[in-house]
Amino acid sequence: VCCLKVCYPAYGSRFSRGHAVGLLVAVWGYALAFAAA
């Protein structure tokens, strides 16, 4: 996300709270999938 905001500001400025929540859910889901295996 830092890379997106610094290197591609046109896309980085569109980052919203909903994107952040979605990314957090994805991170925890990914971790849960490998931990539960």
PDB file of all heavy atoms in Angstrom:
ATOM      1  N   VAL A   1       0.840  -1.203   0.000  1.00  0.00           N
ATOM      2  CA  VAL A   1       0.000   0.000   0.000  1.00  0.00           C
ATOM      3  C   VAL A   1       0.877   1.256   0.000  1.00  0.00           C
ATOM      4  O   VAL A   1       0.586   2.226  -0.711  1.00  0.00           O
ATOM      5  CB  VAL A   1      -0.980  -0.011   1.190  1.00  0.00           C
ATOM      6  CG1 VAL A   1      -1.661   1.337   1.358  1.00  0.00           C
ATOM      7  CG2 VAL A   1      -2.016  -1.106   1.012  1.00  0.00           C
ATOM      8  N   CYS A   2       1.953   1.244   0.774  1.00  0.00           N
ATOM      9  CA  CYS A   2       2.886   2.379   0.761  1.00  0.00           C
ATOM     10  C   CYS A   2       3.458   2.580  -0.637  1.00  0.00           C
ATOM     11  O   CYS A   2       3.560   3.714  -1.123  1.00  0.00           O
ATOM     12  CB  CYS A   2       4.016   2.167   1.758  1.00  0.00           C
ATOM     13  SG  CYS A   2       3.520   2.387   3.465  1.00  0.00           S
ATOM     14  N   CYS A   3       3.823   1.505  -1.287  1.00  0.00           N
ATOM     15  CA  CYS A   3       4.350   1.572  -2.650  1.00  0.00           C
ATOM     16  C   CYS A   3       3.304   2.157  -3.590  1.00  0.00           C
ATOM     17  O   CYS A   3       3.609   3.028  -4.410  1.00  0.00           O
ATOM     18  CB  CYS A   3       4.775   0.183  -3.111  1.00  0.00           C
ATOM     19  SG  CYS A   3       5.405   0.133  -4.798  1.00  0.00           S
ATOM     20  N   LEU A   4       2.084   1.708  -3.460  1.00  0.00           N
ATOM     21  CA  LEU A   4       1.005   2.207  -4.302  1.00  0.00           C
ATOM     22  C   LEU A   4       0.802   3.705  -4.099  1.00  0.00           C
ATOM     23  O   LEU A   4       0.673   4.464  -5.060  1.00  0.00           O
ATOM     24  CB  LEU A   4      -0.279   1.442  -3.986  1.00  0.00           C
ATOM     25  CG  LEU A   4      -1.495   1.706  -4.858  1.00  0.00           C
ATOM     26  CD1 LEU A   4      -1.245   1.192  -6.266  1.00  0.00           C
ATOM     27  CD2 LEU A   4      -2.712   1.042  -4.258  1.00  0.00           C
ATOM     28  N   LYS A   5       0.816   4.148  -2.850  1.00  0.00           N
ATOM     29  CA  LYS A   5       0.589   5.568  -2.552  1.00  0.00           C
ATOM     30  C   LYS A   5       1.759   6.450  -2.999  1.00  0.00           C
ATOM     31  O   LYS A   5       1.546   7.564  -3.448  1.00  0.00           O
ATOM     32  CB  LYS A   5       0.326   5.758  -1.065  1.00  0.00           C
ATOM     33  CG  LYS A   5      -1.030   5.231  -0.642  1.00  0.00           C
ATOM     34  CD  LYS A   5      -1.353   5.695   0.746  1.00  0.00           C
ATOM     35  CE  LYS A   5      -2.807   5.856   0.969  1.00  0.00           C
ATOM     36  NZ  LYS A   5      -3.498   6.849   0.223  1.00  0.00           N
ATOM     37  N   VAL A   6       2.989   5.944  -2.895  1.00  0.00           N
ATOM     38  CA  VAL A   6       4.154   6.747  -3.255  1.00  0.00           C
ATOM     39  C   VAL A   6       4.431   6.685  -4.758  1.00  0.00           C
ATOM     40  O   VAL A   6       4.667   7.709  -5.397  1.00  0.00           O
ATOM     41  CB  VAL A   6       5.402   6.290  -2.461  1.00  0.00           C
ATOM     42  CG1 VAL A   6       6.663   6.933  -2.988  1.00  0.00           C
ATOM     43  CG2 VAL A   6       5.222   6.582  -0.983  1.00  0.00           C
ATOM     44  N   CYS A   7       4.405   5.508  -5.319  1.00  0.00           N
ATOM     45  CA  CYS A   7       4.819   5.327  -6.714  1.00  0.00           C
ATOM     46  C   CYS A   7       3.693   5.556  -7.717  1.00  0.00           C
ATOM     47  O   CYS A   7       3.955   5.920  -8.868  1.00  0.00           O
ATOM     48  CB  CYS A   7       5.384   3.927  -6.909  1.00  0.00           C
ATOM     49  SG  CYS A   7       6.794   3.581  -5.857  1.00  0.00           S
ATOM     50  N   TYR A   8       2.476   5.320  -7.314  1.00  0.00           N
ATOM     51  CA  TYR A   8       1.329   5.469  -8.205  1.00  0.00           C
ATOM     52  C   TYR A   8       0.238   6.285  -7.505  1.00  0.00           C
ATOM     53  O   TYR A   8      -0.812   5.754  -7.141  1.00  0.00           O
ATOM     54  CB  TYR A   8       0.788   4.097  -8.625  1.00  0.00           C
ATOM     55  CG  TYR A   8       1.857   3.209  -9.202  1.00  0.00           C
ATOM     56  CD1 TYR A   8       2.473   2.220  -8.421  1.00  0.00           C
ATOM     57  CD2 TYR A   8       2.275   3.361 -10.518  1.00  0.00           C
ATOM     58  CE1 TYR A   8       3.471   1.418  -8.949  1.00  0.00           C
ATOM     59  CE2 TYR A   8       3.265   2.560 -11.054  1.00  0.00           C
ATOM     60  CZ  TYR A   8       3.860   1.588 -10.260  1.00  0.00           C
ATOM     61  OH  TYR A   8       4.847   0.799 -10.789  1.00  0.00           O
ATOM     62  N   PRO A   9       0.475   7.574  -7.293  1.00  0.00           N
ATOM     63  CA  PRO A   9      -0.451   8.388  -6.496  1.00  0.00           C
ATOM     64  C   PRO A   9      -1.867   8.462  -7.064  1.00  0.00           C
ATOM     65  O   PRO A   9      -2.818   8.623  -6.313  1.00  0.00           O
ATOM     66  CB  PRO A   9       0.199   9.768  -6.453  1.00  0.00           C
ATOM     67  CG  PRO A   9       1.308   9.751  -7.417  1.00  0.00           C
ATOM     68  CD  PRO A   9       1.623   8.341  -7.754  1.00  0.00           C
ATOM     69  N   ALA A  10      -2.024   8.304  -8.367  1.00  0.00           N
ATOM     70  CA  ALA A  10      -3.372   8.340  -8.948  1.00  0.00           C
ATOM     71  C   ALA A  10      -4.217   7.181  -8.420  1.00  0.00           C
ATOM     72  O   ALA A  10      -5.413   7.333  -8.175  1.00  0.00           O
ATOM     73  CB  ALA A  10      -3.290   8.282 -10.469  1.00  0.00           C
ATOM     74  N   TYR A  11      -3.590   6.019  -8.242  1.00  0.00           N
ATOM     75  CA  TYR A  11      -4.302   4.868  -7.688  1.00  0.00           C
ATOM     76  C   TYR A  11      -4.307   4.908  -6.165  1.00  0.00           C
ATOM     77  O   TYR A  11      -5.273   4.525  -5.531  1.00  0.00           O
ATOM     78  CB  TYR A  11      -3.675   3.564  -8.170  1.00  0.00           C
ATOM     79  CG  TYR A  11      -3.775   3.372  -9.654  1.00  0.00           C
ATOM     80  CD1 TYR A  11      -2.662   3.475 -10.468  1.00  0.00           C
ATOM     81  CD2 TYR A  11      -5.000   3.090 -10.253  1.00  0.00           C
ATOM     82  CE1 TYR A  11      -2.750   3.303 -11.839  1.00  0.00           C
ATOM     83  CE2 TYR A  11      -5.098   2.924 -11.622  1.00  0.00           C
ATOM     84  CZ  TYR A  11      -3.976   3.033 -12.407  1.00  0.00           C
ATOM     85  OH  TYR A  11      -4.077   2.865 -13.756  1.00  0.00           O
ATOM     86  N   GLY A  12      -3.206   5.358  -5.596  1.00  0.00           N
ATOM     87  CA  GLY A  12      -3.084   5.389  -4.140  1.00  0.00           C
ATOM     88  C   GLY A  12      -4.077   6.325  -3.474  1.00  0.00           C
ATOM     89  O   GLY A  12      -4.512   6.087  -2.358  1.00  0.00           O
ATOM     90  N   SER A  13      -4.470   7.388  -4.179  1.00  0.00           N
ATOM     91  CA  SER A  13      -5.424   8.333  -3.596  1.00  0.00           C
ATOM     92  C   SER A  13      -6.829   7.747  -3.528  1.00  0.00           C
ATOM     93  O   SER A  13      -7.673   8.255  -2.803  1.00  0.00           O
ATOM     94  CB  SER A  13      -5.436   9.630  -4.402  1.00  0.00           C
ATOM     95  OG  SER A  13      -5.885   9.374  -5.718  1.00  0.00           O
ATOM     96  N   ARG A  14      -7.077   6.675  -4.249  1.00  0.00           N
ATOM     97  CA  ARG A  14      -8.395   6.017  -4.227  1.00  0.00           C
ATOM     98  C   ARG A  14      -8.538   5.010  -3.085  1.00  0.00           C
ATOM     99  O   ARG A  14      -9.600   4.433  -2.913  1.00  0.00           O
ATOM    100  CB  ARG A  14      -8.638   5.290  -5.541  1.00  0.00           C
ATOM    101  CG  ARG A  14      -8.705   6.204  -6.722  1.00  0.00           C
ATOM    102  CD  ARG A  14      -8.972   5.405  -7.963  1.00  0.00           C
ATOM    103  NE  ARG A  14      -8.803   6.236  -9.145  1.00  0.00           N
ATOM    104  CZ  ARG A  14      -8.715   5.762 -10.353  1.00  0.00           C
ATOM    105  NH1 ARG A  14      -8.766   4.466 -10.566  1.00  0.00           N
ATOM    106  NH2 ARG A  14      -8.559   6.579 -11.370  1.00  0.00           N
ATOM    107  N   PHE A  15      -7.474   4.789  -2.348  1.00  0.00           N
ATOM    108  CA  PHE A  15      -7.484   3.804  -1.264  1.00  0.00           C
ATOM    109  C   PHE A  15      -8.407   4.297  -0.152  1.00  0.00           C
ATOM    110  O   PHE A  15      -8.258   5.400   0.352  1.00  0.00           O
ATOM    111  CB  PHE A  15      -6.056   3.611  -0.738  1.00  0.00           C
ATOM    112  CG  PHE A  15      -5.918   2.449   0.181  1.00  0.00           C
ATOM    113  CD1 PHE A  15      -5.864   1.160  -0.307  1.00  0.00           C
ATOM    114  CD2 PHE A  15      -5.851   2.641   1.551  1.00  0.00           C
ATOM    115  CE1 PHE A  15      -5.733   0.084   0.541  1.00  0.00           C
ATOM    116  CE2 PHE A  15      -5.721   1.576   2.405  1.00  0.00           C
ATOM    117  CZ  PHE A  15      -5.660   0.293   1.900  1.00  0.00           C
ATOM    118  N   SER A  16      -9.354   3.460   0.245  1.00  0.00           N
ATOM    119  CA  SER A  16     -10.356   3.872   1.231  1.00  0.00           C
ATOM    120  C   SER A  16     -10.336   2.949   2.443  1.00  0.00           C
ATOM    121  O   SER A  16      -9.612   1.945   2.483  1.00  0.00           O
ATOM    122  CB  SER A  16     -11.743   3.840   0.599  1.00  0.00           C
ATOM    123  OG  SER A  16     -12.126   2.501   0.319  1.00  0.00           O
ATOM    124  N   ARG A  17     -11.169   3.308   3.398  1.00  0.00           N
ATOM    125  CA  ARG A  17     -11.314   2.483   4.603  1.00  0.00           C
ATOM    126  C   ARG A  17     -11.818   1.088   4.229  1.00  0.00           C
ATOM    127  O   ARG A  17     -11.407   0.093   4.816  1.00  0.00           O
ATOM    128  CB  ARG A  17     -12.260   3.174   5.573  1.00  0.00           C
ATOM    129  CG  ARG A  17     -12.490   2.381   6.816  1.00  0.00           C
ATOM    130  CD  ARG A  17     -13.434   3.093   7.778  1.00  0.00           C
ATOM    131  NE  ARG A  17     -12.849   2.953   9.088  1.00  0.00           N
ATOM    132  CZ  ARG A  17     -12.627   3.924   9.921  1.00  0.00           C
ATOM    133  NH1 ARG A  17     -12.976   5.140   9.627  1.00  0.00           N
ATOM    134  NH2 ARG A  17     -12.092   3.698  11.091  1.00  0.00           N
ATOM    135  N   GLY A  18     -12.706   1.002   3.261  1.00  0.00           N
ATOM    136  CA  GLY A  18     -13.217  -0.292   2.803  1.00  0.00           C
ATOM    137  C   GLY A  18     -12.121  -1.171   2.222  1.00  0.00           C
ATOM    138  O   GLY A  18     -12.105  -2.382   2.446  1.00  0.00           O
ATOM    139  N   HIS A  19     -11.188  -0.547   1.488  1.00  0.00           N
ATOM    140  CA  HIS A  19     -10.048  -1.302   0.964  1.00  0.00           C
ATOM    141  C   HIS A  19      -9.208  -1.849   2.115  1.00  0.00           C
ATOM    142  O   HIS A  19      -8.747  -2.986   2.072  1.00  0.00           O
ATOM    143  CB  HIS A  19      -9.173  -0.420   0.069  1.00  0.00           C
ATOM    144  CG  HIS A  19      -9.828  -0.048  -1.205  1.00  0.00           C
ATOM    145  ND1 HIS A  19     -10.231   1.245  -1.474  1.00  0.00           N
ATOM    146  CD2 HIS A  19     -10.154  -0.778  -2.295  1.00  0.00           C
ATOM    147  CE1 HIS A  19     -10.769   1.288  -2.677  1.00  0.00           C
ATOM    148  NE2 HIS A  19     -10.743   0.071  -3.199  1.00  0.00           N
ATOM    149  N   ALA A  20      -8.988  -1.016   3.132  1.00  0.00           N
ATOM    150  CA  ALA A  20      -8.180  -1.435   4.279  1.00  0.00           C
ATOM    151  C   ALA A  20      -8.831  -2.612   4.996  1.00  0.00           C
ATOM    152  O   ALA A  20      -8.159  -3.598   5.335  1.00  0.00           O
ATOM    153  CB  ALA A  20      -7.983  -0.263   5.239  1.00  0.00           C
ATOM    154  N   VAL A  21     -10.127  -2.529   5.206  1.00  0.00           N
ATOM    155  CA  VAL A  21     -10.841  -3.629   5.870  1.00  0.00           C
ATOM    156  C   VAL A  21     -10.761  -4.896   5.021  1.00  0.00           C
ATOM    157  O   VAL A  21     -10.509  -5.989   5.540  1.00  0.00           O
ATOM    158  CB  VAL A  21     -12.307  -3.231   6.155  1.00  0.00           C
ATOM    159  CG1 VAL A  21     -13.127  -4.424   6.602  1.00  0.00           C
ATOM    160  CG2 VAL A  21     -12.361  -2.124   7.203  1.00  0.00           C
ATOM    161  N   GLY A  22     -10.953  -4.750   3.719  1.00  0.00           N
ATOM    162  CA  GLY A  22     -10.866  -5.912   2.832  1.00  0.00           C
ATOM    163  C   GLY A  22      -9.493  -6.556   2.859  1.00  0.00           C
ATOM    164  O   GLY A  22      -9.373  -7.786   2.876  1.00  0.00           O
ATOM    165  N   LEU A  23      -8.452  -5.730   2.872  1.00  0.00           N
ATOM    166  CA  LEU A  23      -7.092  -6.271   2.926  1.00  0.00           C
ATOM    167  C   LEU A  23      -6.818  -6.973   4.245  1.00  0.00           C
ATOM    168  O   LEU A  23      -6.179  -8.031   4.275  1.00  0.00           O
ATOM    169  CB  LEU A  23      -6.069  -5.165   2.677  1.00  0.00           C
ATOM    170  CG  LEU A  23      -5.989  -4.674   1.238  1.00  0.00           C
ATOM    171  CD1 LEU A  23      -5.103  -3.440   1.139  1.00  0.00           C
ATOM    172  CD2 LEU A  23      -5.481  -5.772   0.318  1.00  0.00           C
ATOM    173  N   LEU A  24      -7.302  -6.403   5.344  1.00  0.00           N
ATOM    174  CA  LEU A  24      -7.123  -7.061   6.650  1.00  0.00           C
ATOM    175  C   LEU A  24      -7.840  -8.403   6.706  1.00  0.00           C
ATOM    176  O   LEU A  24      -7.293  -9.393   7.204  1.00  0.00           O
ATOM    177  CB  LEU A  24      -7.609  -6.165   7.782  1.00  0.00           C
ATOM    178  CG  LEU A  24      -6.664  -5.047   8.180  1.00  0.00           C
ATOM    179  CD1 LEU A  24      -7.331  -4.132   9.204  1.00  0.00           C
ATOM    180  CD2 LEU A  24      -5.377  -5.615   8.737  1.00  0.00           C
ATOM    181  N   VAL A  25      -9.051  -8.450   6.185  1.00  0.00           N
ATOM    182  CA  VAL A  25      -9.798  -9.714   6.144  1.00  0.00           C
ATOM    183  C   VAL A  25      -9.053 -10.726   5.272  1.00  0.00           C
ATOM    184  O   VAL A  25      -8.939 -11.912   5.633  1.00  0.00           O
ATOM    185  CB  VAL A  25     -11.240  -9.482   5.648  1.00  0.00           C
ATOM    186  CG1 VAL A  25     -11.934 -10.790   5.326  1.00  0.00           C
ATOM    187  CG2 VAL A  25     -12.037  -8.696   6.682  1.00  0.00           C
ATOM    188  N   ALA A  26      -8.519 -10.272   4.149  1.00  0.00           N
ATOM    189  CA  ALA A  26      -7.776 -11.169   3.263  1.00  0.00           C
ATOM    190  C   ALA A  26      -6.520 -11.703   3.939  1.00  0.00           C
ATOM    191  O   ALA A  26      -6.210 -12.896   3.840  1.00  0.00           O
ATOM    192  CB  ALA A  26      -7.416 -10.442   1.966  1.00  0.00           C
ATOM    193  N   VAL A  27      -5.793 -10.835   4.649  1.00  0.00           N
ATOM    194  CA  VAL A  27      -4.572 -11.256   5.346  1.00  0.00           C
ATOM    195  C   VAL A  27      -4.901 -12.310   6.397  1.00  0.00           C
ATOM    196  O   VAL A  27      -4.253 -13.363   6.475  1.00  0.00           O
ATOM    197  CB  VAL A  27      -3.857 -10.046   5.983  1.00  0.00           C
ATOM    198  CG1 VAL A  27      -2.856 -10.490   7.033  1.00  0.00           C
ATOM    199  CG2 VAL A  27      -3.176  -9.220   4.923  1.00  0.00           C
ATOM    200  N   TRP A  28      -5.909 -12.036   7.204  1.00  0.00           N
ATOM    201  CA  TRP A  28      -6.278 -12.993   8.255  1.00  0.00           C
ATOM    202  C   TRP A  28      -6.852 -14.282   7.674  1.00  0.00           C
ATOM    203  O   TRP A  28      -6.608 -15.373   8.198  1.00  0.00           O
ATOM    204  CB  TRP A  28      -7.216 -12.359   9.260  1.00  0.00           C
ATOM    205  CG  TRP A  28      -6.475 -11.504  10.225  1.00  0.00           C
ATOM    206  CD1 TRP A  28      -6.218 -10.175  10.116  1.00  0.00           C
ATOM    207  CD2 TRP A  28      -5.843 -11.931  11.436  1.00  0.00           C
ATOM    208  NE1 TRP A  28      -5.472  -9.748  11.181  1.00  0.00           N
ATOM    209  CE2 TRP A  28      -5.236 -10.794  12.010  1.00  0.00           C
ATOM    210  CE3 TRP A  28      -5.738 -13.155  12.086  1.00  0.00           C
ATOM    211  CZ2 TRP A  28      -4.523 -10.855  13.209  1.00  0.00           C
ATOM    212  CZ3 TRP A  28      -5.039 -13.214  13.286  1.00  0.00           C
ATOM    213  CH2 TRP A  28      -4.442 -12.085  13.832  1.00  0.00           C
ATOM    214  N   GLY A  29      -7.594 -14.191   6.575  1.00  0.00           N
ATOM    215  CA  GLY A  29      -8.110 -15.400   5.918  1.00  0.00           C
ATOM    216  C   GLY A  29      -6.991 -16.249   5.344  1.00  0.00           C
ATOM    217  O   GLY A  29      -7.005 -17.484   5.458  1.00  0.00           O
ATOM    218  N   TYR A  30      -6.011 -15.607   4.738  1.00  0.00           N
ATOM    219  CA  TYR A  30      -4.847 -16.299   4.177  1.00  0.00           C
ATOM    220  C   TYR A  30      -4.075 -17.013   5.285  1.00  0.00           C
ATOM    221  O   TYR A  30      -3.729 -18.188   5.158  1.00  0.00           O
ATOM    222  CB  TYR A  30      -3.971 -15.249   3.483  1.00  0.00           C
ATOM    223  CG  TYR A  30      -2.888 -15.770   2.585  1.00  0.00           C
ATOM    224  CD1 TYR A  30      -3.173 -16.203   1.303  1.00  0.00           C
ATOM    225  CD2 TYR A  30      -1.555 -15.772   2.990  1.00  0.00           C
ATOM    226  CE1 TYR A  30      -2.175 -16.640   0.453  1.00  0.00           C
ATOM    227  CE2 TYR A  30      -0.549 -16.210   2.153  1.00  0.00           C
ATOM    228  CZ  TYR A  30      -0.863 -16.645   0.878  1.00  0.00           C
ATOM    229  OH  TYR A  30       0.131 -17.083   0.053  1.00  0.00           O
ATOM    230  N   ALA A  31      -3.837 -16.278   6.376  1.00  0.00           N
ATOM    231  CA  ALA A  31      -3.117 -16.869   7.507  1.00  0.00           C
ATOM    232  C   ALA A  31      -3.921 -18.017   8.117  1.00  0.00           C
ATOM    233  O   ALA A  31      -3.361 -19.072   8.458  1.00  0.00           O
ATOM    234  CB  ALA A  31      -2.824 -15.801   8.558  1.00  0.00           C
ATOM    235  N   LEU A  32      -5.216 -17.832   8.237  1.00  0.00           N
ATOM    236  CA  LEU A  32      -6.068 -18.871   8.812  1.00  0.00           C
ATOM    237  C   LEU A  32      -6.077 -20.125   7.947  1.00  0.00           C
ATOM    238  O   LEU A  32      -6.038 -21.248   8.469  1.00  0.00           O
ATOM    239  CB  LEU A  32      -7.486 -18.341   8.997  1.00  0.00           C
ATOM    240  CG  LEU A  32      -8.488 -19.284   9.647  1.00  0.00           C
ATOM    241  CD1 LEU A  32      -8.037 -19.649  11.058  1.00  0.00           C
ATOM    242  CD2 LEU A  32      -9.867 -18.662   9.676  1.00  0.00           C
ATOM    243  N   ALA A  33      -6.082 -19.952   6.640  1.00  0.00           N
ATOM    244  CA  ALA A  33      -6.078 -21.116   5.744  1.00  0.00           C
ATOM    245  C   ALA A  33      -4.813 -21.953   5.936  1.00  0.00           C
ATOM    246  O   ALA A  33      -4.883 -23.187   6.033  1.00  0.00           O
ATOM    247  CB  ALA A  33      -6.191 -20.650   4.292  1.00  0.00           C
ATOM    248  N   PHE A  34      -3.664 -21.299   6.021  1.00  0.00           N
ATOM    249  CA  PHE A  34      -2.417 -22.050   6.195  1.00  0.00           C
ATOM    250  C   PHE A  34      -2.261 -22.575   7.624  1.00  0.00           C
ATOM    251  O   PHE A  34      -1.678 -23.642   7.831  1.00  0.00           O
ATOM    252  CB  PHE A  34      -1.215 -21.200   5.795  1.00  0.00           C
ATOM    253  CG  PHE A  34      -0.970 -21.206   4.321  1.00  0.00           C
ATOM    254  CD1 PHE A  34      -1.456 -20.178   3.527  1.00  0.00           C
ATOM    255  CD2 PHE A  34      -0.292 -22.237   3.711  1.00  0.00           C
ATOM    256  CE1 PHE A  34      -1.249 -20.179   2.158  1.00  0.00           C
ATOM    257  CE2 PHE A  34      -0.081 -22.261   2.346  1.00  0.00           C
ATOM    258  CZ  PHE A  34      -0.567 -21.230   1.561  1.00  0.00           C
ATOM    259  N   ALA A  35      -2.763 -21.842   8.609  1.00  0.00           N
ATOM    260  CA  ALA A  35      -2.658 -22.314   9.994  1.00  0.00           C
ATOM    261  C   ALA A  35      -3.609 -23.475  10.266  1.00  0.00           C
ATOM    262  O   ALA A  35      -3.303 -24.355  11.066  1.00  0.00           O
ATOM    263  CB  ALA A  35      -2.937 -21.168  10.964  1.00  0.00           C
ATOM    264  N   ALA A  36      -4.755 -23.473   9.594  1.00  0.00           N
ATOM    265  CA  ALA A  36      -5.746 -24.536   9.819  1.00  0.00           C
ATOM    266  C   ALA A  36      -5.449 -25.795   9.009  1.00  0.00           C
ATOM    267  O   ALA A  36      -6.006 -26.855   9.306  1.00  0.00           O
ATOM    268  CB  ALA A  36      -7.136 -24.017   9.476  1.00  0.00           C
ATOM    269  N   ALA A  37      -4.579 -25.704   8.020  1.00  0.00           N
ATOM    270  CA  ALA A  37      -4.285 -26.864   7.171  1.00  0.00           C
ATOM    271  C   ALA A  37      -3.835 -28.090   7.972  1.00  0.00           C
ATOM    272  O   ALA A  37      -4.316 -29.192   7.714  1.00  0.00           O
ATOM    273  CB  ALA A  37      -3.259 -26.492   6.111  1.00  0.00           C
TER     274      ALA A  37
END
